[in-house]
Amino acid sequence: MVPRDDDDDDDDDFDPEAPVEVPLTDELDLHPFAPREIASIVNDWLDDCAEAGFEQVRIVHGKGIGQQREIVREVLAAHPRVASFAQDGGNWGATVARLRPA
C-alpha cells in the first residue's frame, strides 16, 4: 500500500467547472441528462459523428414514459445529417440512425 501524499500538487490544476472531454463513440446514452438538455446534446453529437465518418449511430433514451424518446426522434427528423432512423430492433429504449456522408 502506498501512503497518500496530501501535499501533492497535481490537484492544483483541477477545475470543477471545466468541461470534461469524452471520447466520441457511435453510441450516446442520454440517461444522465435532463430532458431540457437532450435536443442540443443530440444535435451536437450527430454533427460530430457525421464529421468523424460514422455511418450509423445508436441513441439510448430509455423506455420510461417516452419523453426523451420523443425529443430524440424530433431532433433526428429535423437534422440534415440523418438519412433515416428507427427503433433499435426489439429494444424500444434505443433508436438507431443512419447518417448521410459528410
N, C-alpha and C. Protein backbone atom coordinates (compact mmCIF):
# COMPACT_ATOMS: atom_id res chain seq x y z
N MET A 1 0.84 -1.18 0.00
CA MET A 1 0.00 0.00 0.00
C MET A 1 0.89 1.24 0.00
N VAL A 2 0.55 2.18 -0.86
CA VAL A 2 1.33 3.41 -0.96
C VAL A 2 0.66 4.47 -0.11
N PRO A 3 1.42 5.14 0.74
CA PRO A 3 0.82 6.19 1.57
C PRO A 3 0.36 7.36 0.71
N ARG A 4 -0.72 7.96 1.12
CA ARG A 4 -1.25 9.11 0.41
C ARG A 4 -0.48 10.35 0.77
N ASP A 5 -0.13 11.12 -0.24
CA ASP A 5 0.61 12.36 -0.03
C ASP A 5 -0.38 13.51 -0.15
N ASP A 6 -0.86 14.03 0.97
CA ASP A 6 -1.83 15.11 0.96
C ASP A 6 -1.26 16.42 0.46
N ASP A 7 0.05 16.50 0.36
CA ASP A 7 0.68 17.72 -0.13
C ASP A 7 0.95 17.66 -1.63
N ASP A 8 0.38 16.68 -2.29
CA ASP A 8 0.60 16.50 -3.73
C ASP A 8 0.03 17.70 -4.49
N ASP A 9 0.84 18.30 -5.35
CA ASP A 9 0.42 19.49 -6.10
C ASP A 9 -0.29 19.17 -7.41
N ASP A 10 -0.47 17.87 -7.75
CA ASP A 10 -1.11 17.51 -9.02
C ASP A 10 -2.55 17.98 -9.11
N ASP A 11 -3.22 18.14 -7.99
CA ASP A 11 -4.63 18.54 -7.99
C ASP A 11 -4.82 20.05 -8.08
N ASP A 12 -3.74 20.81 -8.09
CA ASP A 12 -3.84 22.26 -8.14
C ASP A 12 -4.45 22.75 -9.45
N ASP A 13 -4.32 21.97 -10.53
CA ASP A 13 -4.84 22.38 -11.84
C ASP A 13 -6.28 21.94 -12.06
N PHE A 14 -6.88 21.23 -11.13
CA PHE A 14 -8.24 20.75 -11.28
C PHE A 14 -9.23 21.90 -11.23
N ASP A 15 -10.08 21.97 -12.23
CA ASP A 15 -11.12 22.98 -12.29
C ASP A 15 -12.47 22.28 -12.39
N PRO A 16 -13.27 22.29 -11.34
CA PRO A 16 -14.54 21.56 -11.36
C PRO A 16 -15.54 22.14 -12.37
N GLU A 17 -15.31 23.35 -12.84
CA GLU A 17 -16.20 23.98 -13.82
C GLU A 17 -15.76 23.73 -15.26
N ALA A 18 -14.58 23.16 -15.45
CA ALA A 18 -14.07 22.93 -16.80
C ALA A 18 -14.84 21.80 -17.47
N PRO A 19 -15.09 21.91 -18.77
CA PRO A 19 -15.80 20.83 -19.47
C PRO A 19 -14.95 19.56 -19.48
N VAL A 20 -15.62 18.45 -19.45
CA VAL A 20 -14.96 17.15 -19.48
C VAL A 20 -15.01 16.63 -20.91
N GLU A 21 -13.86 16.22 -21.43
CA GLU A 21 -13.83 15.66 -22.77
C GLU A 21 -14.11 14.17 -22.70
N VAL A 22 -15.08 13.74 -23.48
CA VAL A 22 -15.46 12.34 -23.54
C VAL A 22 -15.16 11.84 -24.94
N PRO A 23 -14.56 10.66 -25.06
CA PRO A 23 -14.26 10.14 -26.40
C PRO A 23 -15.54 9.99 -27.22
N LEU A 24 -15.46 10.31 -28.49
CA LEU A 24 -16.61 10.20 -29.39
C LEU A 24 -16.79 8.74 -29.80
N THR A 25 -17.97 8.20 -29.57
CA THR A 25 -18.30 6.84 -30.00
C THR A 25 -19.60 6.89 -30.78
N ASP A 26 -19.99 5.75 -31.33
CA ASP A 26 -21.21 5.68 -32.11
C ASP A 26 -22.45 5.44 -31.26
N GLU A 27 -22.31 5.53 -29.93
CA GLU A 27 -23.46 5.37 -29.04
C GLU A 27 -23.49 6.50 -28.02
N LEU A 28 -24.68 7.02 -27.81
CA LEU A 28 -24.89 8.10 -26.84
C LEU A 28 -25.96 7.66 -25.86
N ASP A 29 -25.62 7.61 -24.58
CA ASP A 29 -26.56 7.26 -23.53
C ASP A 29 -27.06 8.55 -22.88
N LEU A 30 -28.34 8.79 -22.99
CA LEU A 30 -28.92 10.05 -22.51
C LEU A 30 -29.43 9.99 -21.07
N HIS A 31 -29.28 8.86 -20.41
CA HIS A 31 -29.79 8.74 -19.05
C HIS A 31 -29.29 9.82 -18.09
N PRO A 32 -28.03 10.25 -18.17
CA PRO A 32 -27.57 11.26 -17.20
C PRO A 32 -28.09 12.68 -17.45
N PHE A 33 -28.77 12.91 -18.56
CA PHE A 33 -29.13 14.27 -18.93
C PHE A 33 -30.60 14.58 -18.67
N ALA A 34 -30.86 15.85 -18.37
CA ALA A 34 -32.23 16.32 -18.19
C ALA A 34 -32.88 16.51 -19.56
N PRO A 35 -34.20 16.32 -19.64
CA PRO A 35 -34.88 16.48 -20.94
C PRO A 35 -34.60 17.82 -21.62
N ARG A 36 -34.42 18.88 -20.87
CA ARG A 36 -34.18 20.20 -21.47
C ARG A 36 -32.82 20.27 -22.19
N GLU A 37 -31.91 19.34 -21.87
CA GLU A 37 -30.58 19.31 -22.47
C GLU A 37 -30.50 18.42 -23.71
N ILE A 38 -31.46 17.55 -23.88
CA ILE A 38 -31.39 16.48 -24.88
C ILE A 38 -31.22 17.01 -26.30
N ALA A 39 -32.05 17.94 -26.74
CA ALA A 39 -32.02 18.40 -28.13
C ALA A 39 -30.64 18.94 -28.51
N SER A 40 -30.07 19.79 -27.69
CA SER A 40 -28.78 20.38 -28.06
C SER A 40 -27.66 19.34 -28.00
N ILE A 41 -27.71 18.45 -27.03
CA ILE A 41 -26.69 17.40 -26.93
C ILE A 41 -26.73 16.49 -28.15
N VAL A 42 -27.92 16.04 -28.52
CA VAL A 42 -28.06 15.13 -29.66
C VAL A 42 -27.66 15.83 -30.95
N ASN A 43 -28.08 17.07 -31.15
CA ASN A 43 -27.70 17.82 -32.36
C ASN A 43 -26.19 17.93 -32.50
N ASP A 44 -25.52 18.34 -31.45
CA ASP A 44 -24.06 18.49 -31.49
C ASP A 44 -23.37 17.15 -31.70
N TRP A 45 -23.87 16.11 -31.02
CA TRP A 45 -23.26 14.79 -31.13
C TRP A 45 -23.43 14.24 -32.55
N LEU A 46 -24.60 14.44 -33.16
CA LEU A 46 -24.81 13.99 -34.54
C LEU A 46 -23.85 14.67 -35.50
N ASP A 47 -23.67 15.97 -35.34
CA ASP A 47 -22.70 16.69 -36.18
C ASP A 47 -21.31 16.10 -36.03
N ASP A 48 -20.89 15.86 -34.79
CA ASP A 48 -19.57 15.30 -34.54
C ASP A 48 -19.43 13.91 -35.13
N CYS A 49 -20.45 13.09 -34.99
CA CYS A 49 -20.42 11.72 -35.53
C CYS A 49 -20.34 11.73 -37.05
N ALA A 50 -21.09 12.60 -37.69
CA ALA A 50 -21.06 12.69 -39.15
C ALA A 50 -19.68 13.15 -39.62
N GLU A 51 -19.12 14.14 -38.94
CA GLU A 51 -17.78 14.62 -39.30
C GLU A 51 -16.72 13.54 -39.09
N ALA A 52 -16.93 12.68 -38.10
CA ALA A 52 -15.98 11.60 -37.82
C ALA A 52 -16.14 10.43 -38.79
N GLY A 53 -17.20 10.46 -39.59
CA GLY A 53 -17.39 9.41 -40.59
C GLY A 53 -18.25 8.24 -40.17
N PHE A 54 -18.93 8.35 -39.03
CA PHE A 54 -19.82 7.27 -38.62
C PHE A 54 -20.98 7.17 -39.60
N GLU A 55 -21.31 5.95 -39.98
CA GLU A 55 -22.43 5.72 -40.89
C GLU A 55 -23.72 5.44 -40.14
N GLN A 56 -23.59 4.87 -38.94
CA GLN A 56 -24.75 4.54 -38.13
C GLN A 56 -24.43 4.85 -36.68
N VAL A 57 -25.41 5.35 -35.95
CA VAL A 57 -25.25 5.67 -34.54
C VAL A 57 -26.44 5.14 -33.75
N ARG A 58 -26.23 4.98 -32.46
CA ARG A 58 -27.29 4.47 -31.58
C ARG A 58 -27.45 5.42 -30.42
N ILE A 59 -28.70 5.80 -30.15
CA ILE A 59 -29.00 6.70 -29.05
C ILE A 59 -29.86 5.95 -28.04
N VAL A 60 -29.37 5.85 -26.81
CA VAL A 60 -30.10 5.19 -25.74
C VAL A 60 -30.86 6.27 -24.97
N HIS A 61 -32.18 6.24 -25.08
CA HIS A 61 -33.00 7.25 -24.42
C HIS A 61 -33.82 6.67 -23.29
N GLY A 62 -33.87 5.36 -23.20
CA GLY A 62 -34.62 4.69 -22.15
C GLY A 62 -36.07 4.47 -22.56
N LYS A 63 -36.74 3.61 -21.80
CA LYS A 63 -38.13 3.27 -22.10
C LYS A 63 -39.07 4.26 -21.43
N GLY A 64 -39.01 4.38 -20.16
CA GLY A 64 -39.78 5.36 -19.39
C GLY A 64 -41.13 5.73 -19.95
N ILE A 65 -41.47 7.01 -19.87
CA ILE A 65 -42.76 7.50 -20.37
C ILE A 65 -42.64 8.01 -21.80
N GLY A 66 -41.44 7.99 -22.35
CA GLY A 66 -41.24 8.34 -23.75
C GLY A 66 -40.86 9.78 -24.02
N GLN A 67 -40.66 10.58 -22.99
CA GLN A 67 -40.33 12.00 -23.20
C GLN A 67 -39.00 12.15 -23.93
N GLN A 68 -37.97 11.46 -23.47
CA GLN A 68 -36.66 11.57 -24.13
C GLN A 68 -36.72 10.96 -25.53
N ARG A 69 -37.42 9.85 -25.69
CA ARG A 69 -37.54 9.21 -27.00
C ARG A 69 -38.17 10.18 -28.00
N GLU A 70 -39.21 10.86 -27.60
CA GLU A 70 -39.88 11.81 -28.49
C GLU A 70 -38.96 12.97 -28.86
N ILE A 71 -38.23 13.51 -27.91
CA ILE A 71 -37.28 14.60 -28.20
C ILE A 71 -36.23 14.12 -29.19
N VAL A 72 -35.67 12.92 -28.93
CA VAL A 72 -34.64 12.37 -29.81
C VAL A 72 -35.18 12.24 -31.23
N ARG A 73 -36.35 11.69 -31.38
CA ARG A 73 -36.91 11.46 -32.72
C ARG A 73 -37.27 12.76 -33.42
N GLU A 74 -37.66 13.77 -32.68
CA GLU A 74 -37.90 15.09 -33.29
C GLU A 74 -36.59 15.67 -33.83
N VAL A 75 -35.53 15.54 -33.05
CA VAL A 75 -34.22 16.03 -33.48
C VAL A 75 -33.76 15.26 -34.71
N LEU A 76 -33.87 13.93 -34.68
CA LEU A 76 -33.45 13.11 -35.81
C LEU A 76 -34.22 13.46 -37.08
N ALA A 77 -35.51 13.70 -36.95
CA ALA A 77 -36.35 14.01 -38.12
C ALA A 77 -35.95 15.33 -38.76
N ALA A 78 -35.44 16.26 -37.97
CA ALA A 78 -35.10 17.59 -38.47
C ALA A 78 -33.62 17.75 -38.82
N HIS A 79 -32.78 16.83 -38.38
CA HIS A 79 -31.33 17.01 -38.55
C HIS A 79 -30.91 16.71 -39.99
N PRO A 80 -30.16 17.62 -40.63
CA PRO A 80 -29.79 17.44 -42.03
C PRO A 80 -28.83 16.28 -42.30
N ARG A 81 -28.12 15.80 -41.29
CA ARG A 81 -27.16 14.71 -41.49
C ARG A 81 -27.80 13.33 -41.31
N VAL A 82 -29.05 13.27 -40.90
CA VAL A 82 -29.72 11.99 -40.64
C VAL A 82 -30.49 11.56 -41.89
N ALA A 83 -30.13 10.39 -42.41
CA ALA A 83 -30.82 9.84 -43.59
C ALA A 83 -32.08 9.09 -43.18
N SER A 84 -32.00 8.34 -42.08
CA SER A 84 -33.16 7.59 -41.59
C SER A 84 -32.91 7.19 -40.14
N PHE A 85 -33.99 6.80 -39.46
CA PHE A 85 -33.85 6.32 -38.09
C PHE A 85 -35.01 5.38 -37.78
N ALA A 86 -34.78 4.51 -36.80
CA ALA A 86 -35.79 3.54 -36.38
C ALA A 86 -35.47 3.03 -34.99
N GLN A 87 -36.44 2.39 -34.41
CA GLN A 87 -36.23 1.72 -33.13
C GLN A 87 -35.13 0.69 -33.30
N ASP A 88 -34.34 0.50 -32.26
CA ASP A 88 -33.23 -0.47 -32.30
C ASP A 88 -33.77 -1.88 -32.12
N GLY A 89 -34.18 -2.51 -33.20
CA GLY A 89 -34.73 -3.87 -33.16
C GLY A 89 -35.88 -3.97 -32.19
N GLY A 90 -35.81 -4.92 -31.28
CA GLY A 90 -36.86 -5.10 -30.29
C GLY A 90 -36.68 -4.24 -29.06
N ASN A 91 -35.67 -3.39 -29.05
CA ASN A 91 -35.38 -2.55 -27.89
C ASN A 91 -35.97 -1.16 -28.08
N TRP A 92 -37.12 -0.90 -27.48
CA TRP A 92 -37.73 0.42 -27.65
C TRP A 92 -37.14 1.47 -26.72
N GLY A 93 -36.03 1.13 -26.05
CA GLY A 93 -35.32 2.10 -25.22
C GLY A 93 -34.15 2.75 -25.96
N ALA A 94 -34.01 2.42 -27.26
CA ALA A 94 -32.91 2.99 -28.06
C ALA A 94 -33.37 3.19 -29.50
N THR A 95 -32.75 4.15 -30.16
CA THR A 95 -33.04 4.46 -31.56
C THR A 95 -31.73 4.44 -32.33
N VAL A 96 -31.78 3.86 -33.51
CA VAL A 96 -30.61 3.79 -34.40
C VAL A 96 -30.85 4.73 -35.57
N ALA A 97 -29.82 5.47 -35.94
CA ALA A 97 -29.93 6.40 -37.06
C ALA A 97 -28.82 6.14 -38.07
N ARG A 98 -29.16 6.24 -39.33
CA ARG A 98 -28.17 6.19 -40.41
C ARG A 98 -27.85 7.63 -40.79
N LEU A 99 -26.56 7.90 -40.94
CA LEU A 99 -26.13 9.26 -41.25
C LEU A 99 -25.75 9.39 -42.72
N ARG A 100 -25.99 10.56 -43.26
CA ARG A 100 -25.55 10.87 -44.62
C ARG A 100 -24.04 11.12 -44.59
N PRO A 101 -23.34 10.75 -45.65
CA PRO A 101 -21.91 11.04 -45.69
C PRO A 101 -21.65 12.55 -45.63
N ALA A 102 -20.56 12.91 -45.01
CA ALA A 102 -20.21 14.34 -44.87
C ALA A 102 -19.85 14.94 -46.21
